[in-house]
Amino acid sequence: MKGLNLSVFGYFFEGLVQYFAEPVGRIFGPDDDNYPNIGVQPFDGDAYAETVEIL
């Protein structure tokens, strides 16, 4: 086992941890929604008056 390079396992383990840590951080992290607080908008259109026949 002379010349066994263990740094390859370090890179693999580091990449594996990062692969799982980033999605977990996005799920449990703060929201990044930048939507305006406009509330509910009233409907000011006309309802569809005709019936739709489904075959």
PDB file of N, CA and C in Angstrom:
ATOM      1  N   MET A   1       0.826  -1.191   0.000  1.00  0.00           N
ATOM      2  CA  MET A   1       0.000   0.000   0.000  1.00  0.00           C
ATOM      3  C   MET A   1       0.866   1.249   0.000  1.00  0.00           C
ATOM      4  N   LYS A   2       2.089   1.087  -0.378  1.00  0.00           N
ATOM      5  CA  LYS A   2       2.960   2.235  -0.471  1.00  0.00           C
ATOM      6  C   LYS A   2       2.546   3.082  -1.672  1.00  0.00           C
ATOM      7  N   GLY A   3       2.430   4.371  -1.462  1.00  0.00           N
ATOM      8  CA  GLY A   3       2.048   5.261  -2.540  1.00  0.00           C
ATOM      9  C   GLY A   3       0.545   5.449  -2.675  1.00  0.00           C
ATOM     10  N   LEU A   4      -0.234   4.960  -1.705  1.00  0.00           N
ATOM     11  CA  LEU A   4      -1.684   5.139  -1.753  1.00  0.00           C
ATOM     12  C   LEU A   4      -2.006   6.595  -1.463  1.00  0.00           C
ATOM     13  N   ASN A   5      -2.694   7.232  -2.353  1.00  0.00           N
ATOM     14  CA  ASN A   5      -2.998   8.648  -2.215  1.00  0.00           C
ATOM     15  C   ASN A   5      -4.381   8.797  -1.589  1.00  0.00           C
ATOM     16  N   LEU A   6      -4.433   9.184  -0.321  1.00  0.00           N
ATOM     17  CA  LEU A   6      -5.707   9.315   0.382  1.00  0.00           C
ATOM     18  C   LEU A   6      -6.401  10.642   0.116  1.00  0.00           C
ATOM     19  N   SER A   7      -5.742  11.564  -0.559  1.00  0.00           N
ATOM     20  CA  SER A   7      -6.378  12.851  -0.833  1.00  0.00           C
ATOM     21  C   SER A   7      -7.536  12.706  -1.813  1.00  0.00           C
ATOM     22  N   VAL A   8      -7.527  11.653  -2.618  1.00  0.00           N
ATOM     23  CA  VAL A   8      -8.624  11.404  -3.543  1.00  0.00           C
ATOM     24  C   VAL A   8      -9.910  11.154  -2.768  1.00  0.00           C
ATOM     25  N   PHE A   9      -9.812  10.415  -1.665  1.00  0.00           N
ATOM     26  CA  PHE A   9     -10.981  10.169  -0.834  1.00  0.00           C
ATOM     27  C   PHE A   9     -11.476  11.457  -0.188  1.00  0.00           C
ATOM     28  N   GLY A  10     -10.572  12.352   0.150  1.00  0.00           N
ATOM     29  CA  GLY A  10     -10.955  13.646   0.720  1.00  0.00           C
ATOM     30  C   GLY A  10     -11.752  14.472  -0.263  1.00  0.00           C
ATOM     31  N   TYR A  11     -11.313  14.494  -1.513  1.00  0.00           N
ATOM     32  CA  TYR A  11     -12.040  15.243  -2.537  1.00  0.00           C
ATOM     33  C   TYR A  11     -13.414  14.631  -2.782  1.00  0.00           C
ATOM     34  N   PHE A  12     -13.466  13.308  -2.809  1.00  0.00           N
ATOM     35  CA  PHE A  12     -14.736  12.623  -3.018  1.00  0.00           C
ATOM     36  C   PHE A  12     -15.688  12.910  -1.872  1.00  0.00           C
ATOM     37  N   PHE A  13     -15.200  12.795  -0.645  1.00  0.00           N
ATOM     38  CA  PHE A  13     -16.040  13.030   0.527  1.00  0.00           C
ATOM     39  C   PHE A  13     -16.497  14.482   0.578  1.00  0.00           C
ATOM     40  N   GLU A  14     -15.612  15.411   0.258  1.00  0.00           N
ATOM     41  CA  GLU A  14     -15.970  16.832   0.248  1.00  0.00           C
ATOM     42  C   GLU A  14     -17.059  17.113  -0.787  1.00  0.00           C
ATOM     43  N   GLY A  15     -16.946  16.532  -1.965  1.00  0.00           N
ATOM     44  CA  GLY A  15     -17.956  16.710  -3.000  1.00  0.00           C
ATOM     45  C   GLY A  15     -19.280  16.079  -2.621  1.00  0.00           C
ATOM     46  N   LEU A  16     -19.215  14.930  -1.954  1.00  0.00           N
ATOM     47  CA  LEU A  16     -20.435  14.250  -1.534  1.00  0.00           C
ATOM     48  C   LEU A  16     -21.171  15.057  -0.471  1.00  0.00           C
ATOM     49  N   VAL A  17     -20.442  15.605   0.473  1.00  0.00           N
ATOM     50  CA  VAL A  17     -21.058  16.432   1.516  1.00  0.00           C
ATOM     51  C   VAL A  17     -21.672  17.682   0.898  1.00  0.00           C
ATOM     52  N   GLN A  18     -20.978  18.308  -0.038  1.00  0.00           N
ATOM     53  CA  GLN A  18     -21.504  19.509  -0.685  1.00  0.00           C
ATOM     54  C   GLN A  18     -22.742  19.169  -1.512  1.00  0.00           C
ATOM     55  N   TYR A  19     -22.763  17.995  -2.131  1.00  0.00           N
ATOM     56  CA  TYR A  19     -23.903  17.566  -2.952  1.00  0.00           C
ATOM     57  C   TYR A  19     -25.174  17.485  -2.118  1.00  0.00           C
ATOM     58  N   PHE A  20     -25.069  17.032  -0.877  1.00  0.00           N
ATOM     59  CA  PHE A  20     -26.240  16.914  -0.017  1.00  0.00           C
ATOM     60  C   PHE A  20     -26.484  18.163   0.821  1.00  0.00           C
ATOM     61  N   ALA A  21     -25.459  18.928   1.134  1.00  0.00           N
ATOM     62  CA  ALA A  21     -25.606  20.088   2.008  1.00  0.00           C
ATOM     63  C   ALA A  21     -26.309  21.248   1.311  1.00  0.00           C
ATOM     64  N   GLU A  22     -26.064  21.446   0.045  1.00  0.00           N
ATOM     65  CA  GLU A  22     -26.680  22.576  -0.656  1.00  0.00           C
ATOM     66  C   GLU A  22     -28.200  22.448  -0.744  1.00  0.00           C
ATOM     67  N   PRO A  23     -28.774  21.322  -1.137  1.00  0.00           N
ATOM     68  CA  PRO A  23     -30.243  21.221  -1.150  1.00  0.00           C
ATOM     69  C   PRO A  23     -30.858  21.320   0.244  1.00  0.00           C
ATOM     70  N   VAL A  24     -30.198  20.731   1.239  1.00  0.00           N
ATOM     71  CA  VAL A  24     -30.722  20.818   2.600  1.00  0.00           C
ATOM     72  C   VAL A  24     -30.711  22.262   3.065  1.00  0.00           C
ATOM     73  N   GLY A  25     -29.675  22.992   2.727  1.00  0.00           N
ATOM     74  CA  GLY A  25     -29.614  24.415   3.075  1.00  0.00           C
ATOM     75  C   GLY A  25     -30.696  25.226   2.383  1.00  0.00           C
ATOM     76  N   ARG A  26     -31.022  24.882   1.148  1.00  0.00           N
ATOM     77  CA  ARG A  26     -32.094  25.595   0.442  1.00  0.00           C
ATOM     78  C   ARG A  26     -33.454  25.280   1.037  1.00  0.00           C
ATOM     79  N   ILE A  27     -33.658  24.026   1.462  1.00  0.00           N
ATOM     80  CA  ILE A  27     -34.954  23.634   2.016  1.00  0.00           C
ATOM     81  C   ILE A  27     -35.186  24.291   3.365  1.00  0.00           C
ATOM     82  N   PHE A  28     -34.184  24.256   4.224  1.00  0.00           N
ATOM     83  CA  PHE A  28     -34.358  24.747   5.584  1.00  0.00           C
ATOM     84  C   PHE A  28     -33.837  26.159   5.791  1.00  0.00           C
ATOM     85  N   GLY A  29     -33.350  26.804   4.753  1.00  0.00           N
ATOM     86  CA  GLY A  29     -32.830  28.164   4.858  1.00  0.00           C
ATOM     87  C   GLY A  29     -33.947  29.191   4.758  1.00  0.00           C
ATOM     88  N   PRO A  30     -33.585  30.468   4.876  1.00  0.00           N
ATOM     89  CA  PRO A  30     -34.602  31.522   4.764  1.00  0.00           C
ATOM     90  C   PRO A  30     -35.150  31.612   3.341  1.00  0.00           C
ATOM     91  N   ASP A  31     -36.371  32.097   3.245  1.00  0.00           N
ATOM     92  CA  ASP A  31     -37.011  32.247   1.936  1.00  0.00           C
ATOM     93  C   ASP A  31     -36.315  33.334   1.131  1.00  0.00           C
ATOM     94  N   ASP A  32     -36.259  33.129  -0.171  1.00  0.00           N
ATOM     95  CA  ASP A  32     -35.704  34.151  -1.055  1.00  0.00           C
ATOM     96  C   ASP A  32     -36.767  34.650  -2.028  1.00  0.00           C
ATOM     97  N   ASP A  33     -38.017  34.615  -1.585  1.00  0.00           N
ATOM     98  CA  ASP A  33     -39.113  35.118  -2.403  1.00  0.00           C
ATOM     99  C   ASP A  33     -39.127  36.639  -2.343  1.00  0.00           C
ATOM    100  N   ASN A  34     -39.122  37.266  -3.480  1.00  0.00           N
ATOM    101  CA  ASN A  34     -39.151  38.726  -3.549  1.00  0.00           C
ATOM    102  C   ASN A  34     -40.433  39.197  -4.222  1.00  0.00           C
ATOM    103  N   TYR A  35     -41.543  38.564  -3.861  1.00  0.00           N
ATOM    104  CA  TYR A  35     -42.814  38.933  -4.455  1.00  0.00           C
ATOM    105  C   TYR A  35     -43.387  40.139  -3.715  1.00  0.00           C
ATOM    106  N   PRO A  36     -44.048  41.062  -4.410  1.00  0.00           N
ATOM    107  CA  PRO A  36     -44.648  42.210  -3.721  1.00  0.00           C
ATOM    108  C   PRO A  36     -45.852  41.794  -2.886  1.00  0.00           C
ATOM    109  N   ASN A  37     -46.085  42.460  -1.776  1.00  0.00           N
ATOM    110  CA  ASN A  37     -47.230  42.188  -0.914  1.00  0.00           C
ATOM    111  C   ASN A  37     -48.428  42.980  -1.431  1.00  0.00           C
ATOM    112  N   ILE A  38     -49.156  42.391  -2.391  1.00  0.00           N
ATOM    113  CA  ILE A  38     -50.263  43.120  -3.010  1.00  0.00           C
ATOM    114  C   ILE A  38     -51.615  42.628  -2.537  1.00  0.00           C
ATOM    115  N   GLY A  39     -51.666  41.473  -1.910  1.00  0.00           N
ATOM    116  CA  GLY A  39     -52.935  40.958  -1.419  1.00  0.00           C
ATOM    117  C   GLY A  39     -53.766  40.309  -2.513  1.00  0.00           C
ATOM    118  N   VAL A  40     -55.016  40.044  -2.185  1.00  0.00           N
ATOM    119  CA  VAL A  40     -55.936  39.397  -3.115  1.00  0.00           C
ATOM    120  C   VAL A  40     -56.505  40.441  -4.062  1.00  0.00           C
ATOM    121  N   GLN A  41     -56.525  40.105  -5.341  1.00  0.00           N
ATOM    122  CA  GLN A  41     -57.056  41.019  -6.338  1.00  0.00           C
ATOM    123  C   GLN A  41     -58.490  40.621  -6.662  1.00  0.00           C
ATOM    124  N   PRO A  42     -59.412  41.585  -6.713  1.00  0.00           N
ATOM    125  CA  PRO A  42     -60.801  41.256  -7.040  1.00  0.00           C
ATOM    126  C   PRO A  42     -60.940  40.881  -8.516  1.00  0.00           C
ATOM    127  N   PHE A  43     -61.899  40.025  -8.785  1.00  0.00           N
ATOM    128  CA  PHE A  43     -62.180  39.623 -10.160  1.00  0.00           C
ATOM    129  C   PHE A  43     -63.084  40.672 -10.788  1.00  0.00           C
ATOM    130  N   ASP A  44     -62.623  41.289 -11.859  1.00  0.00           N
ATOM    131  CA  ASP A  44     -63.439  42.326 -12.500  1.00  0.00           C
ATOM    132  C   ASP A  44     -63.693  41.987 -13.968  1.00  0.00           C
ATOM    133  N   GLY A  45     -63.850  40.704 -14.256  1.00  0.00           N
ATOM    134  CA  GLY A  45     -64.161  40.261 -15.612  1.00  0.00           C
ATOM    135  C   GLY A  45     -65.545  39.676 -15.667  1.00  0.00           C
ATOM    136  N   ASP A  46     -65.919  39.169 -16.810  1.00  0.00           N
ATOM    137  CA  ASP A  46     -67.229  38.548 -16.997  1.00  0.00           C
ATOM    138  C   ASP A  46     -67.088  37.032 -16.878  1.00  0.00           C
ATOM    139  N   ALA A  47     -68.030  36.413 -16.214  1.00  0.00           N
ATOM    140  CA  ALA A  47     -68.031  34.958 -16.094  1.00  0.00           C
ATOM    141  C   ALA A  47     -68.392  34.340 -17.430  1.00  0.00           C
ATOM    142  N   TYR A  48     -67.906  33.146 -17.681  1.00  0.00           N
ATOM    143  CA  TYR A  48     -68.211  32.444 -18.920  1.00  0.00           C
ATOM    144  C   TYR A  48     -69.648  31.970 -18.860  1.00  0.00           C
ATOM    145  N   ALA A  49     -70.491  32.470 -19.762  1.00  0.00           N
ATOM    146  CA  ALA A  49     -71.931  32.235 -19.697  1.00  0.00           C
ATOM    147  C   ALA A  49     -72.343  30.909 -20.342  1.00  0.00           C
ATOM    148  N   GLU A  50     -71.636  30.432 -21.326  1.00  0.00           N
ATOM    149  CA  GLU A  50     -72.038  29.214 -22.013  1.00  0.00           C
ATOM    150  C   GLU A  50     -71.549  27.977 -21.269  1.00  0.00           C
ATOM    151  N   THR A  51     -72.281  26.894 -21.462  1.00  0.00           N
ATOM    152  CA  THR A  51     -71.869  25.642 -20.840  1.00  0.00           C
ATOM    153  C   THR A  51     -70.900  24.910 -21.741  1.00  0.00           C
ATOM    154  N   VAL A  52     -70.057  24.116 -21.172  1.00  0.00           N
ATOM    155  CA  VAL A  52     -69.085  23.345 -21.919  1.00  0.00           C
ATOM    156  C   VAL A  52     -69.502  21.889 -21.858  1.00  0.00           C
ATOM    157  N   GLU A  53     -69.635  21.263 -23.018  1.00  0.00           N
ATOM    158  CA  GLU A  53     -70.063  19.878 -23.074  1.00  0.00           C
ATOM    159  C   GLU A  53     -68.822  18.992 -23.125  1.00  0.00           C
ATOM    160  N   ILE A  54     -68.741  18.060 -22.176  1.00  0.00           N
ATOM    161  CA  ILE A  54     -67.600  17.150 -22.111  1.00  0.00           C
ATOM    162  C   ILE A  54     -68.043  15.805 -22.661  1.00  0.00           C
ATOM    163  N   LEU A  55     -67.300  15.310 -23.630  1.00  0.00           N
ATOM    164  CA  LEU A  55     -67.657  14.030 -24.271  1.00  0.00           C
ATOM    165  C   LEU A  55     -67.133  12.877 -23.513  1.00  0.00           C
TER     166      LEU A  55
END
